Amino acid sequence: MVFKVLAIIAVLFFIYLIFFKKSRESEVSSKKTKKEEKISDIMEECPTCKTYISKNEAILSNGKYFCSKECLK
C-alpha cells in the first residue's frame, strides 16, 4: 500500500517537472532579457569637464558628446 502511494507521488512529481518546470524556465529567461534591455544606455565622457553623461542626454557636436551648453562653448 505504501509503495503504491509513493509510486503515485513520484509519477505526479515527474508530470509536474515535465509540464510546469519548462514554462517557469522560459519566464525566468524572458525576465533576464528585460533586465538587459534596461541597462542598454551608453555613457560617454565629456571632453571638457571629464564627467560621464548618457548618450541620450548628451549634446553631440563634431562627433563628441558634451554634458552641457557651457562645456560645448
PDB file of N, CA and C in Angstrom:
ATOM      1  N   MET A   1       0.824  -1.195   0.000  1.00  0.00           N
ATOM      2  CA  MET A   1       0.000   0.000   0.000  1.00  0.00           C
ATOM      3  C   MET A   1       0.869   1.260   0.000  1.00  0.00           C
ATOM      4  N   VAL A   2       1.886   1.275   0.853  1.00  0.00           N
ATOM      5  CA  VAL A   2       2.779   2.421   0.941  1.00  0.00           C
ATOM      6  C   VAL A   2       3.541   2.599  -0.374  1.00  0.00           C
ATOM      7  N   PHE A   3       3.915   1.481  -0.983  1.00  0.00           N
ATOM      8  CA  PHE A   3       4.624   1.531  -2.256  1.00  0.00           C
ATOM      9  C   PHE A   3       3.770   2.167  -3.347  1.00  0.00           C
ATOM     10  N   LYS A   4       2.475   1.868  -3.366  1.00  0.00           N
ATOM     11  CA  LYS A   4       1.567   2.445  -4.360  1.00  0.00           C
ATOM     12  C   LYS A   4       1.444   3.954  -4.177  1.00  0.00           C
ATOM     13  N   VAL A   5       1.351   4.401  -2.939  1.00  0.00           N
ATOM     14  CA  VAL A   5       1.249   5.834  -2.661  1.00  0.00           C
ATOM     15  C   VAL A   5       2.526   6.546  -3.086  1.00  0.00           C
ATOM     16  N   LEU A   6       3.681   5.967  -2.779  1.00  0.00           N
ATOM     17  CA  LEU A   6       4.950   6.559  -3.182  1.00  0.00           C
ATOM     18  C   LEU A   6       5.095   6.578  -4.702  1.00  0.00           C
ATOM     19  N   ALA A   7       4.625   5.534  -5.367  1.00  0.00           N
ATOM     20  CA  ALA A   7       4.691   5.486  -6.824  1.00  0.00           C
ATOM     21  C   ALA A   7       3.804   6.564  -7.443  1.00  0.00           C
ATOM     22  N   ILE A   8       2.619   6.762  -6.899  1.00  0.00           N
ATOM     23  CA  ILE A   8       1.712   7.807  -7.408  1.00  0.00           C
ATOM     24  C   ILE A   8       2.320   9.187  -7.194  1.00  0.00           C
ATOM     25  N   ILE A   9       2.904   9.411  -6.041  1.00  0.00           N
ATOM     26  CA  ILE A   9       3.553  10.697  -5.752  1.00  0.00           C
ATOM     27  C   ILE A   9       4.717  10.928  -6.710  1.00  0.00           C
ATOM     28  N   ALA A  10       5.486   9.884  -6.979  1.00  0.00           N
ATOM     29  CA  ALA A  10       6.616  10.006  -7.906  1.00  0.00           C
ATOM     30  C   ALA A  10       6.133  10.324  -9.313  1.00  0.00           C
ATOM     31  N   VAL A  11       5.060   9.677  -9.765  1.00  0.00           N
ATOM     32  CA  VAL A  11       4.524   9.937 -11.093  1.00  0.00           C
ATOM     33  C   VAL A  11       4.009  11.371 -11.187  1.00  0.00           C
ATOM     34  N   LEU A  12       3.295  11.825 -10.184  1.00  0.00           N
ATOM     35  CA  LEU A  12       2.790  13.198 -10.179  1.00  0.00           C
ATOM     36  C   LEU A  12       3.934  14.218 -10.176  1.00  0.00           C
ATOM     37  N   PHE A  13       5.008  13.911  -9.455  1.00  0.00           N
ATOM     38  CA  PHE A  13       6.166  14.792  -9.422  1.00  0.00           C
ATOM     39  C   PHE A  13       6.824  14.889 -10.793  1.00  0.00           C
ATOM     40  N   PHE A  14       6.962  13.769 -11.498  1.00  0.00           N
ATOM     41  CA  PHE A  14       7.545  13.778 -12.843  1.00  0.00           C
ATOM     42  C   PHE A  14       6.657  14.522 -13.834  1.00  0.00           C
ATOM     43  N   ILE A  15       5.358  14.377 -13.696  1.00  0.00           N
ATOM     44  CA  ILE A  15       4.432  15.130 -14.555  1.00  0.00           C
ATOM     45  C   ILE A  15       4.596  16.626 -14.306  1.00  0.00           C
ATOM     46  N   TYR A  16       4.720  16.999 -13.046  1.00  0.00           N
ATOM     47  CA  TYR A  16       4.957  18.405 -12.710  1.00  0.00           C
ATOM     48  C   TYR A  16       6.252  18.906 -13.349  1.00  0.00           C
ATOM     49  N   LEU A  17       7.315  18.133 -13.253  1.00  0.00           N
ATOM     50  CA  LEU A  17       8.592  18.547 -13.829  1.00  0.00           C
ATOM     51  C   LEU A  17       8.506  18.705 -15.342  1.00  0.00           C
ATOM     52  N   ILE A  18       7.816  17.812 -15.991  1.00  0.00           N
ATOM     53  CA  ILE A  18       7.745  17.836 -17.451  1.00  0.00           C
ATOM     54  C   ILE A  18       6.937  19.040 -17.946  1.00  0.00           C
ATOM     55  N   PHE A  19       5.778  19.287 -17.359  1.00  0.00           N
ATOM     56  CA  PHE A  19       4.876  20.300 -17.906  1.00  0.00           C
ATOM     57  C   PHE A  19       5.070  21.699 -17.323  1.00  0.00           C
ATOM     58  N   PHE A  20       5.340  21.805 -16.050  1.00  0.00           N
ATOM     59  CA  PHE A  20       5.349  23.116 -15.412  1.00  0.00           C
ATOM     60  C   PHE A  20       6.729  23.733 -15.265  1.00  0.00           C
ATOM     61  N   LYS A  21       7.756  22.945 -15.136  1.00  0.00           N
ATOM     62  CA  LYS A  21       9.086  23.493 -14.944  1.00  0.00           C
ATOM     63  C   LYS A  21       9.596  24.182 -16.207  1.00  0.00           C
ATOM     64  N   LYS A  22       9.277  23.668 -17.385  1.00  0.00           N
ATOM     65  CA  LYS A  22       9.719  24.294 -18.623  1.00  0.00           C
ATOM     66  C   LYS A  22       9.092  25.664 -18.801  1.00  0.00           C
ATOM     67  N   SER A  23       7.840  25.816 -18.416  1.00  0.00           N
ATOM     68  CA  SER A  23       7.202  27.125 -18.551  1.00  0.00           C
ATOM     69  C   SER A  23       7.827  28.133 -17.587  1.00  0.00           C
ATOM     70  N   ARG A  24       8.209  27.693 -16.415  1.00  0.00           N
ATOM     71  CA  ARG A  24       8.870  28.590 -15.459  1.00  0.00           C
ATOM     72  C   ARG A  24      10.240  29.008 -15.967  1.00  0.00           C
ATOM     73  N   GLU A  25      10.972  28.086 -16.593  1.00  0.00           N
ATOM     74  CA  GLU A  25      12.293  28.414 -17.114  1.00  0.00           C
ATOM     75  C   GLU A  25      12.201  29.456 -18.219  1.00  0.00           C
ATOM     76  N   SER A  26      11.188  29.363 -19.064  1.00  0.00           N
ATOM     77  CA  SER A  26      11.030  30.356 -20.124  1.00  0.00           C
ATOM     78  C   SER A  26      10.646  31.713 -19.547  1.00  0.00           C
ATOM     79  N   GLU A  27       9.860  31.743 -18.466  1.00  0.00           N
ATOM     80  CA  GLU A  27       9.517  33.003 -17.815  1.00  0.00           C
ATOM     81  C   GLU A  27      10.756  33.651 -17.209  1.00  0.00           C
ATOM     82  N   VAL A  28      11.594  32.864 -16.596  1.00  0.00           N
ATOM     83  CA  VAL A  28      12.815  33.387 -15.978  1.00  0.00           C
ATOM     84  C   VAL A  28      13.744  33.943 -17.051  1.00  0.00           C
ATOM     85  N   SER A  29      13.893  33.248 -18.165  1.00  0.00           N
ATOM     86  CA  SER A  29      14.780  33.728 -19.217  1.00  0.00           C
ATOM     87  C   SER A  29      14.239  34.989 -19.864  1.00  0.00           C
ATOM     88  N   SER A  30      12.916  35.138 -19.966  1.00  0.00           N
ATOM     89  CA  SER A  30      12.348  36.366 -20.529  1.00  0.00           C
ATOM     90  C   SER A  30      12.555  37.540 -19.573  1.00  0.00           C
ATOM     91  N   LYS A  31      12.551  37.290 -18.267  1.00  0.00           N
ATOM     92  CA  LYS A  31      12.810  38.359 -17.299  1.00  0.00           C
ATOM     93  C   LYS A  31      14.257  38.821 -17.390  1.00  0.00           C
ATOM     94  N   LYS A  32      15.179  37.913 -17.671  1.00  0.00           N
ATOM     95  CA  LYS A  32      16.584  38.290 -17.805  1.00  0.00           C
ATOM     96  C   LYS A  32      16.777  39.216 -18.999  1.00  0.00           C
ATOM     97  N   THR A  33      16.103  38.942 -20.087  1.00  0.00           N
ATOM     98  CA  THR A  33      16.255  39.794 -21.261  1.00  0.00           C
ATOM     99  C   THR A  33      15.664  41.169 -21.005  1.00  0.00           C
ATOM    100  N   LYS A  34      14.612  41.272 -20.222  1.00  0.00           N
ATOM    101  CA  LYS A  34      14.041  42.577 -19.883  1.00  0.00           C
ATOM    102  C   LYS A  34      15.020  43.387 -19.045  1.00  0.00           C
ATOM    103  N   LYS A  35      15.721  42.729 -18.126  1.00  0.00           N
ATOM    104  CA  LYS A  35      16.704  43.437 -17.317  1.00  0.00           C
ATOM    105  C   LYS A  35      17.852  43.941 -18.182  1.00  0.00           C
ATOM    106  N   GLU A  36      18.265  43.158 -19.156  1.00  0.00           N
ATOM    107  CA  GLU A  36      19.351  43.568 -20.037  1.00  0.00           C
ATOM    108  C   GLU A  36      18.940  44.764 -20.886  1.00  0.00           C
ATOM    109  N   GLU A  37      17.673  44.850 -21.258  1.00  0.00           N
ATOM    110  CA  GLU A  37      17.196  45.983 -22.046  1.00  0.00           C
ATOM    111  C   GLU A  37      17.236  47.271 -21.229  1.00  0.00           C
ATOM    112  N   LYS A  38      17.028  47.189 -19.925  1.00  0.00           N
ATOM    113  CA  LYS A  38      17.027  48.372 -19.079  1.00  0.00           C
ATOM    114  C   LYS A  38      18.418  48.997 -18.994  1.00  0.00           C
ATOM    115  N   ILE A  39      19.458  48.203 -19.132  1.00  0.00           N
ATOM    116  CA  ILE A  39      20.827  48.686 -18.980  1.00  0.00           C
ATOM    117  C   ILE A  39      21.475  48.844 -20.353  1.00  0.00           C
ATOM    118  N   SER A  40      20.736  49.322 -21.310  1.00  0.00           N
ATOM    119  CA  SER A  40      21.279  49.432 -22.657  1.00  0.00           C
ATOM    120  C   SER A  40      21.820  50.833 -22.952  1.00  0.00           C
ATOM    121  N   ASP A  41      21.782  51.748 -21.999  1.00  0.00           N
ATOM    122  CA  ASP A  41      22.244  53.106 -22.213  1.00  0.00           C
ATOM    123  C   ASP A  41      23.771  53.156 -22.131  1.00  0.00           C
ATOM    124  N   ILE A  42      24.384  53.905 -23.025  1.00  0.00           N
ATOM    125  CA  ILE A  42      25.847  54.002 -23.086  1.00  0.00           C
ATOM    126  C   ILE A  42      26.271  55.359 -22.541  1.00  0.00           C
ATOM    127  N   MET A  43      27.296  55.353 -21.727  1.00  0.00           N
ATOM    128  CA  MET A  43      27.811  56.588 -21.135  1.00  0.00           C
ATOM    129  C   MET A  43      29.023  57.055 -21.936  1.00  0.00           C
ATOM    130  N   GLU A  44      29.092  58.359 -22.156  1.00  0.00           N
ATOM    131  CA  GLU A  44      30.216  58.978 -22.862  1.00  0.00           C
ATOM    132  C   GLU A  44      30.841  60.035 -21.966  1.00  0.00           C
ATOM    133  N   GLU A  45      32.138  60.239 -22.142  1.00  0.00           N
ATOM    134  CA  GLU A  45      32.861  61.222 -21.338  1.00  0.00           C
ATOM    135  C   GLU A  45      32.848  62.574 -22.048  1.00  0.00           C
ATOM    136  N   CYS A  46      32.534  63.612 -21.302  1.00  0.00           N
ATOM    137  CA  CYS A  46      32.583  64.979 -21.836  1.00  0.00           C
ATOM    138  C   CYS A  46      34.051  65.378 -21.963  1.00  0.00           C
ATOM    139  N   PRO A  47      34.488  65.830 -23.140  1.00  0.00           N
ATOM    140  CA  PRO A  47      35.907  66.161 -23.313  1.00  0.00           C
ATOM    141  C   PRO A  47      36.348  67.394 -22.525  1.00  0.00           C
ATOM    142  N   THR A  48      35.419  68.243 -22.124  1.00  0.00           N
ATOM    143  CA  THR A  48      35.775  69.470 -21.411  1.00  0.00           C
ATOM    144  C   THR A  48      35.943  69.240 -19.912  1.00  0.00           C
ATOM    145  N   CYS A  49      34.900  68.706 -19.271  1.00  0.00           N
ATOM    146  CA  CYS A  49      34.935  68.579 -17.804  1.00  0.00           C
ATOM    147  C   CYS A  49      35.184  67.147 -17.326  1.00  0.00           C
ATOM    148  N   LYS A  50      35.311  66.205 -18.235  1.00  0.00           N
ATOM    149  CA  LYS A  50      35.644  64.807 -17.938  1.00  0.00           C
ATOM    150  C   LYS A  50      34.586  64.080 -17.099  1.00  0.00           C
ATOM    151  N   THR A  51      33.336  64.539 -17.134  1.00  0.00           N
ATOM    152  CA  THR A  51      32.261  63.810 -16.471  1.00  0.00           C
ATOM    153  C   THR A  51      31.581  62.910 -17.501  1.00  0.00           C
ATOM    154  N   TYR A  52      30.897  61.891 -17.017  1.00  0.00           N
ATOM    155  CA  TYR A  52      30.208  60.968 -17.907  1.00  0.00           C
ATOM    156  C   TYR A  52      28.734  61.340 -17.997  1.00  0.00           C
ATOM    157  N   ILE A  53      28.206  61.263 -19.206  1.00  0.00           N
ATOM    158  CA  ILE A  53      26.811  61.606 -19.468  1.00  0.00           C
ATOM    159  C   ILE A  53      26.224  60.547 -20.401  1.00  0.00           C
ATOM    160  N   SER A  54      24.943  60.312 -20.247  1.00  0.00           N
ATOM    161  CA  SER A  54      24.249  59.360 -21.100  1.00  0.00           C
ATOM    162  C   SER A  54      24.210  59.878 -22.534  1.00  0.00           C
ATOM    163  N   LYS A  55      24.351  58.989 -23.502  1.00  0.00           N
ATOM    164  CA  LYS A  55      24.286  59.405 -24.900  1.00  0.00           C
ATOM    165  C   LYS A  55      22.930  60.017 -25.225  1.00  0.00           C
ATOM    166  N   ASN A  56      21.882  59.543 -24.549  1.00  0.00           N
ATOM    167  CA  ASN A  56      20.541  60.074 -24.791  1.00  0.00           C
ATOM    168  C   ASN A  56      20.396  61.515 -24.309  1.00  0.00           C
ATOM    169  N   GLU A  57      21.130  61.900 -23.278  1.00  0.00           N
ATOM    170  CA  GLU A  57      21.027  63.234 -22.698  1.00  0.00           C
ATOM    171  C   GLU A  57      22.135  64.177 -23.178  1.00  0.00           C
ATOM    172  N   ALA A  58      23.145  63.658 -23.836  1.00  0.00           N
ATOM    173  CA  ALA A  58      24.303  64.464 -24.230  1.00  0.00           C
ATOM    174  C   ALA A  58      24.002  65.310 -25.465  1.00  0.00           C
ATOM    175  N   ILE A  59      24.839  66.335 -25.651  1.00  0.00           N
ATOM    176  CA  ILE A  59      24.779  67.209 -26.823  1.00  0.00           C
ATOM    177  C   ILE A  59      25.896  66.762 -27.757  1.00  0.00           C
ATOM    178  N   LEU A  60      25.540  66.382 -28.982  1.00  0.00           N
ATOM    179  CA  LEU A  60      26.508  65.890 -29.949  1.00  0.00           C
ATOM    180  C   LEU A  60      26.982  67.036 -30.823  1.00  0.00           C
ATOM    181  N   SER A  61      28.299  67.246 -30.869  1.00  0.00           N
ATOM    182  CA  SER A  61      28.871  68.291 -31.705  1.00  0.00           C
ATOM    183  C   SER A  61      30.233  67.831 -32.205  1.00  0.00           C
ATOM    184  N   ASN A  62      30.417  67.831 -33.513  1.00  0.00           N
ATOM    185  CA  ASN A  62      31.677  67.414 -34.147  1.00  0.00           C
ATOM    186  C   ASN A  62      32.107  66.014 -33.722  1.00  0.00           C
ATOM    187  N   GLY A  63      31.161  65.108 -33.538  1.00  0.00           N
ATOM    188  CA  GLY A  63      31.465  63.733 -33.182  1.00  0.00           C
ATOM    189  C   GLY A  63      31.813  63.523 -31.723  1.00  0.00           C
ATOM    190  N   LYS A  64      31.669  64.553 -30.892  1.00  0.00           N
ATOM    191  CA  LYS A  64      31.957  64.442 -29.462  1.00  0.00           C
ATOM    192  C   LYS A  64      30.679  64.727 -28.686  1.00  0.00           C
ATOM    193  N   TYR A  65      30.573  64.104 -27.512  1.00  0.00           N
ATOM    194  CA  TYR A  65      29.399  64.268 -26.667  1.00  0.00           C
ATOM    195  C   TYR A  65      29.733  65.208 -25.507  1.00  0.00           C
ATOM    196  N   PHE A  66      28.926  66.245 -25.351  1.00  0.00           N
ATOM    197  CA  PHE A  66      29.128  67.237 -24.285  1.00  0.00           C
ATOM    198  C   PHE A  66      27.980  67.146 -23.297  1.00  0.00           C
ATOM    199  N   CYS A  67      28.269  67.450 -22.025  1.00  0.00           N
ATOM    200  CA  CYS A  67      27.256  67.320 -20.990  1.00  0.00           C
ATOM    201  C   CYS A  67      26.344  68.537 -20.896  1.00  0.00           C
ATOM    202  N   SER A  68      26.828  69.707 -21.309  1.00  0.00           N
ATOM    203  CA  SER A  68      26.006  70.917 -21.229  1.00  0.00           C
ATOM    204  C   SER A  68      26.436  71.915 -22.279  1.00  0.00           C
ATOM    205  N   LYS A  69      25.657  72.983 -22.403  1.00  0.00           N
ATOM    206  CA  LYS A  69      25.994  74.030 -23.374  1.00  0.00           C
ATOM    207  C   LYS A  69      27.250  74.795 -22.951  1.00  0.00           C
ATOM    208  N   GLU A  70      27.479  74.875 -21.646  1.00  0.00           N
ATOM    209  CA  GLU A  70      28.684  75.556 -21.157  1.00  0.00           C
ATOM    210  C   GLU A  70      29.952  74.800 -21.584  1.00  0.00           C
ATOM    211  N   CYS A  71      29.890  73.492 -21.521  1.00  0.00           N
ATOM    212  CA  CYS A  71      31.057  72.694 -21.936  1.00  0.00           C
ATOM    213  C   CYS A  71      31.209  72.715 -23.457  1.00  0.00           C
ATOM    214  N   LEU A  72      30.147  72.938 -24.166  1.00  0.00           N
ATOM    215  CA  LEU A  72      30.194  72.967 -25.615  1.00  0.00           C
ATOM    216  C   LEU A  72      30.903  74.211 -26.126  1.00  0.00           C
ATOM    217  N   LYS A  73      30.862  75.312 -25.362  1.00  0.00           N
ATOM    218  CA  LYS A  73      31.469  76.589 -25.787  1.00  0.00           C
ATOM    219  C   LYS A  73      32.937  76.498 -25.846  1.00  0.00           C
TER     220      LYS A  73
END
